[in-house]
Amino acid sequence: MPYIALVTLVVRDYDEALAFYTGALGFELVEDSPRADGSRWVVVRPRGAGAGTGLLLARARGEEQQASVGAQTGGRVGFFLHTEDFAADHARMRAAGVRFLEEPRHEPYGTVAVFEDLYGNRWDLLQPA
């Protein structure tokens, strides 16, 4: 069955993005390989996600790509990080400096809070009901 393996996230700098995603969010580094053109193939994904969808961290090139850093979804929540322990992950992320835009709320579909990554892209931390 086909599945989405990677989603590209345009970043300002590989190393600062890696520090945030592996440090503050606790993702695992799957691959960091140099490419012939001087770029890198950098893939991260939530720890324990197995072969689930990963993020390809792609360094912005040119003005148009630079302008999209942090605004890839036009200010909407564009990424959804599911958790099995909302309270623990929320506390760990806050302690690591992740900026939450709201207090956790309980919805019919689960417990959720919106946060921003280091560039301003909006994410849901969500423990499904």
C-alpha atoms as a PDB file:
ATOM      1  CA  MET A   1       0.000   0.000   0.000  1.00  0.00           C
ATOM      2  CA  PRO A   2       1.440   3.423  -0.877  1.00  0.00           C
ATOM      3  CA  TYR A   3       2.067   5.866   1.952  1.00  0.00           C
ATOM      4  CA  ILE A   4       3.595   9.301   2.407  1.00  0.00           C
ATOM      5  CA  ALA A   5       7.190   8.678   3.471  1.00  0.00           C
ATOM      6  CA  LEU A   6       8.464  12.264   3.775  1.00  0.00           C
ATOM      7  CA  VAL A   7       7.168  15.804   3.974  1.00  0.00           C
ATOM      8  CA  THR A   8       9.589  18.617   3.142  1.00  0.00           C
ATOM      9  CA  LEU A   9       9.971  21.360   5.715  1.00  0.00           C
ATOM     10  CA  VAL A  10      11.941  24.358   4.463  1.00  0.00           C
ATOM     11  CA  VAL A  11      14.367  25.549   7.161  1.00  0.00           C
ATOM     12  CA  ARG A  12      16.829  28.396   7.526  1.00  0.00           C
ATOM     13  CA  ASP A  13      19.736  26.227   8.696  1.00  0.00           C
ATOM     14  CA  TYR A  14      20.237  22.463   8.949  1.00  0.00           C
ATOM     15  CA  ASP A  15      21.968  22.436  12.317  1.00  0.00           C
ATOM     16  CA  GLU A  16      19.588  24.800  14.125  1.00  0.00           C
ATOM     17  CA  ALA A  17      16.637  22.796  12.768  1.00  0.00           C
ATOM     18  CA  LEU A  18      18.231  19.528  13.862  1.00  0.00           C
ATOM     19  CA  ALA A  19      18.853  20.932  17.343  1.00  0.00           C
ATOM     20  CA  PHE A  20      15.189  21.915  17.674  1.00  0.00           C
ATOM     21  CA  TYR A  21      13.593  18.787  16.242  1.00  0.00           C
ATOM     22  CA  THR A  22      15.870  16.293  17.988  1.00  0.00           C
ATOM     23  CA  GLY A  23      16.275  18.314  21.186  1.00  0.00           C
ATOM     24  CA  ALA A  24      13.085  20.226  21.973  1.00  0.00           C
ATOM     25  CA  LEU A  25      10.694  17.865  20.182  1.00  0.00           C
ATOM     26  CA  GLY A  26      12.607  14.644  20.869  1.00  0.00           C
ATOM     27  CA  PHE A  27      12.606  13.440  17.259  1.00  0.00           C
ATOM     28  CA  GLU A  28      15.224  10.962  16.075  1.00  0.00           C
ATOM     29  CA  LEU A  29      17.718  11.675  13.338  1.00  0.00           C
ATOM     30  CA  VAL A  30      17.135   9.143  10.560  1.00  0.00           C
ATOM     31  CA  GLU A  31      19.664  10.409   8.027  1.00  0.00           C
ATOM     32  CA  ASP A  32      22.079  13.278   7.512  1.00  0.00           C
ATOM     33  CA  SER A  33      23.978  12.792   4.262  1.00  0.00           C
ATOM     34  CA  PRO A  34      25.930  15.335   2.208  1.00  0.00           C
ATOM     35  CA  ARG A  35      24.887  15.832  -1.403  1.00  0.00           C
ATOM     36  CA  ALA A  36      27.053  16.747  -4.376  1.00  0.00           C
ATOM     37  CA  ASP A  37      25.523  20.230  -4.663  1.00  0.00           C
ATOM     38  CA  GLY A  38      26.585  21.177  -1.113  1.00  0.00           C
ATOM     39  CA  SER A  39      23.184  20.570   0.420  1.00  0.00           C
ATOM     40  CA  ARG A  40      22.347  17.776   2.860  1.00  0.00           C
ATOM     41  CA  TRP A  41      19.665  15.089   2.948  1.00  0.00           C
ATOM     42  CA  VAL A  42      18.405  15.465   6.520  1.00  0.00           C
ATOM     43  CA  VAL A  43      15.498  13.347   7.735  1.00  0.00           C
ATOM     44  CA  VAL A  44      13.954  13.317  11.225  1.00  0.00           C
ATOM     45  CA  ARG A  45      10.859  11.677  12.609  1.00  0.00           C
ATOM     46  CA  PRO A  46       9.175  11.246  15.972  1.00  0.00           C
ATOM     47  CA  ARG A  47      11.011   8.766  18.158  1.00  0.00           C
ATOM     48  CA  GLY A  48       9.348   5.358  17.985  1.00  0.00           C
ATOM     49  CA  ALA A  49       7.491   6.138  14.750  1.00  0.00           C
ATOM     50  CA  GLY A  50       9.112   3.162  12.998  1.00  0.00           C
ATOM     51  CA  ALA A  51       8.797   3.623   9.257  1.00  0.00           C
ATOM     52  CA  GLY A  52       6.194   6.368   9.672  1.00  0.00           C
ATOM     53  CA  THR A  53       6.229   9.678   7.881  1.00  0.00           C
ATOM     54  CA  GLY A  54       9.377  11.719   8.393  1.00  0.00           C
ATOM     55  CA  LEU A  55      10.356  15.326   7.819  1.00  0.00           C
ATOM     56  CA  LEU A  56      12.930  16.183   5.189  1.00  0.00           C
ATOM     57  CA  LEU A  57      14.620  19.311   6.526  1.00  0.00           C
ATOM     58  CA  ALA A  58      15.543  21.281   3.412  1.00  0.00           C
ATOM     59  CA  ARG A  59      17.670  24.420   3.692  1.00  0.00           C
ATOM     60  CA  ALA A  60      16.034  27.320   1.885  1.00  0.00           C
ATOM     61  CA  ARG A  61      17.719  28.543  -1.290  1.00  0.00           C
ATOM     62  CA  GLY A  62      16.889  31.859  -2.852  1.00  0.00           C
ATOM     63  CA  GLU A  63      14.516  34.605  -1.793  1.00  0.00           C
ATOM     64  CA  GLU A  64      11.304  32.734  -2.560  1.00  0.00           C
ATOM     65  CA  GLN A  65      12.235  29.755  -0.402  1.00  0.00           C
ATOM     66  CA  GLN A  66      13.612  32.009   2.344  1.00  0.00           C
ATOM     67  CA  ALA A  67      10.246  33.783   2.437  1.00  0.00           C
ATOM     68  CA  SER A  68       8.445  30.466   3.012  1.00  0.00           C
ATOM     69  CA  VAL A  69      10.448  29.534   6.113  1.00  0.00           C
ATOM     70  CA  GLY A  70       7.944  29.523   8.974  1.00  0.00           C
ATOM     71  CA  ALA A  71       4.989  30.280   6.715  1.00  0.00           C
ATOM     72  CA  GLN A  72       4.595  27.087   4.739  1.00  0.00           C
ATOM     73  CA  THR A  73       0.905  26.734   5.583  1.00  0.00           C
ATOM     74  CA  GLY A  74      -0.127  30.378   5.606  1.00  0.00           C
ATOM     75  CA  GLY A  75      -0.460  30.607   9.401  1.00  0.00           C
ATOM     76  CA  ARG A  76      -2.642  27.519   9.740  1.00  0.00           C
ATOM     77  CA  VAL A  77      -1.767  24.439  11.751  1.00  0.00           C
ATOM     78  CA  GLY A  78      -0.002  22.330   9.166  1.00  0.00           C
ATOM     79  CA  PHE A  79       1.560  19.547  11.222  1.00  0.00           C
ATOM     80  CA  PHE A  80      -0.020  17.150  13.701  1.00  0.00           C
ATOM     81  CA  LEU A  81       2.139  15.413  16.288  1.00  0.00           C
ATOM     82  CA  HIS A  82       0.240  12.578  17.957  1.00  0.00           C
ATOM     83  CA  THR A  83       1.196  11.415  21.433  1.00  0.00           C
ATOM     84  CA  GLU A  84       0.121   8.658  23.785  1.00  0.00           C
ATOM     85  CA  ASP A  85       0.935  10.778  26.878  1.00  0.00           C
ATOM     86  CA  PHE A  86      -0.095  14.376  26.311  1.00  0.00           C
ATOM     87  CA  ALA A  87       0.713  15.610  29.819  1.00  0.00           C
ATOM     88  CA  ALA A  88       4.260  14.222  29.825  1.00  0.00           C
ATOM     89  CA  ASP A  89       5.104  15.383  26.302  1.00  0.00           C
ATOM     90  CA  HIS A  90       3.561  18.812  26.868  1.00  0.00           C
ATOM     91  CA  ALA A  91       5.586  19.287  30.067  1.00  0.00           C
ATOM     92  CA  ARG A  92       8.820  18.041  28.453  1.00  0.00           C
ATOM     93  CA  MET A  93       8.369  20.290  25.418  1.00  0.00           C
ATOM     94  CA  ARG A  94       7.590  23.363  27.533  1.00  0.00           C
ATOM     95  CA  ALA A  95      10.667  22.680  29.671  1.00  0.00           C
ATOM     96  CA  ALA A  96      12.704  22.518  26.437  1.00  0.00           C
ATOM     97  CA  GLY A  97      11.451  25.983  25.451  1.00  0.00           C
ATOM     98  CA  VAL A  98       8.761  25.053  22.944  1.00  0.00           C
ATOM     99  CA  ARG A  99       6.289  27.935  22.613  1.00  0.00           C
ATOM    100  CA  PHE A 100       2.664  26.865  23.031  1.00  0.00           C
ATOM    101  CA  LEU A 101       0.071  29.319  21.755  1.00  0.00           C
ATOM    102  CA  GLU A 102      -2.693  28.090  24.035  1.00  0.00           C
ATOM    103  CA  GLU A 103      -3.360  26.033  27.106  1.00  0.00           C
ATOM    104  CA  PRO A 104      -4.248  22.372  26.536  1.00  0.00           C
ATOM    105  CA  ARG A 105      -7.889  21.851  25.688  1.00  0.00           C
ATOM    106  CA  HIS A 106     -10.130  18.826  25.586  1.00  0.00           C
ATOM    107  CA  GLU A 107     -12.077  18.284  22.388  1.00  0.00           C
ATOM    108  CA  PRO A 108     -14.275  15.359  21.330  1.00  0.00           C
ATOM    109  CA  TYR A 109     -11.367  14.085  19.218  1.00  0.00           C
ATOM    110  CA  GLY A 110      -8.770  14.332  22.028  1.00  0.00           C
ATOM    111  CA  THR A 111      -6.517  16.586  24.086  1.00  0.00           C
ATOM    112  CA  VAL A 112      -4.748  19.217  21.998  1.00  0.00           C
ATOM    113  CA  ALA A 113      -2.611  22.353  22.166  1.00  0.00           C
ATOM    114  CA  VAL A 114      -1.132  24.408  19.334  1.00  0.00           C
ATOM    115  CA  PHE A 115       2.599  25.143  19.398  1.00  0.00           C
ATOM    116  CA  GLU A 116       5.106  26.750  17.070  1.00  0.00           C
ATOM    117  CA  ASP A 117       8.371  25.311  15.852  1.00  0.00           C
ATOM    118  CA  LEU A 118      11.497  27.477  15.895  1.00  0.00           C
ATOM    119  CA  TYR A 119      10.451  29.154  12.635  1.00  0.00           C
ATOM    120  CA  GLY A 120       6.810  29.829  13.507  1.00  0.00           C
ATOM    121  CA  ASN A 121       5.158  26.901  11.712  1.00  0.00           C
ATOM    122  CA  ARG A 122       2.121  25.845  13.699  1.00  0.00           C
ATOM    123  CA  TRP A 123       1.681  22.313  15.015  1.00  0.00           C
ATOM    124  CA  ASP A 124      -0.939  20.468  17.052  1.00  0.00           C
ATOM    125  CA  LEU A 125       0.261  18.284  19.900  1.00  0.00           C
ATOM    126  CA  LEU A 126      -2.608  15.833  20.035  1.00  0.00           C
ATOM    127  CA  GLN A 127      -3.521  12.832  22.114  1.00  0.00           C
ATOM    128  CA  PRO A 128      -6.450  11.273  20.242  1.00  0.00           C
ATOM    129  CA  ALA A 129      -9.514  10.329  22.294  1.00  0.00           C
END
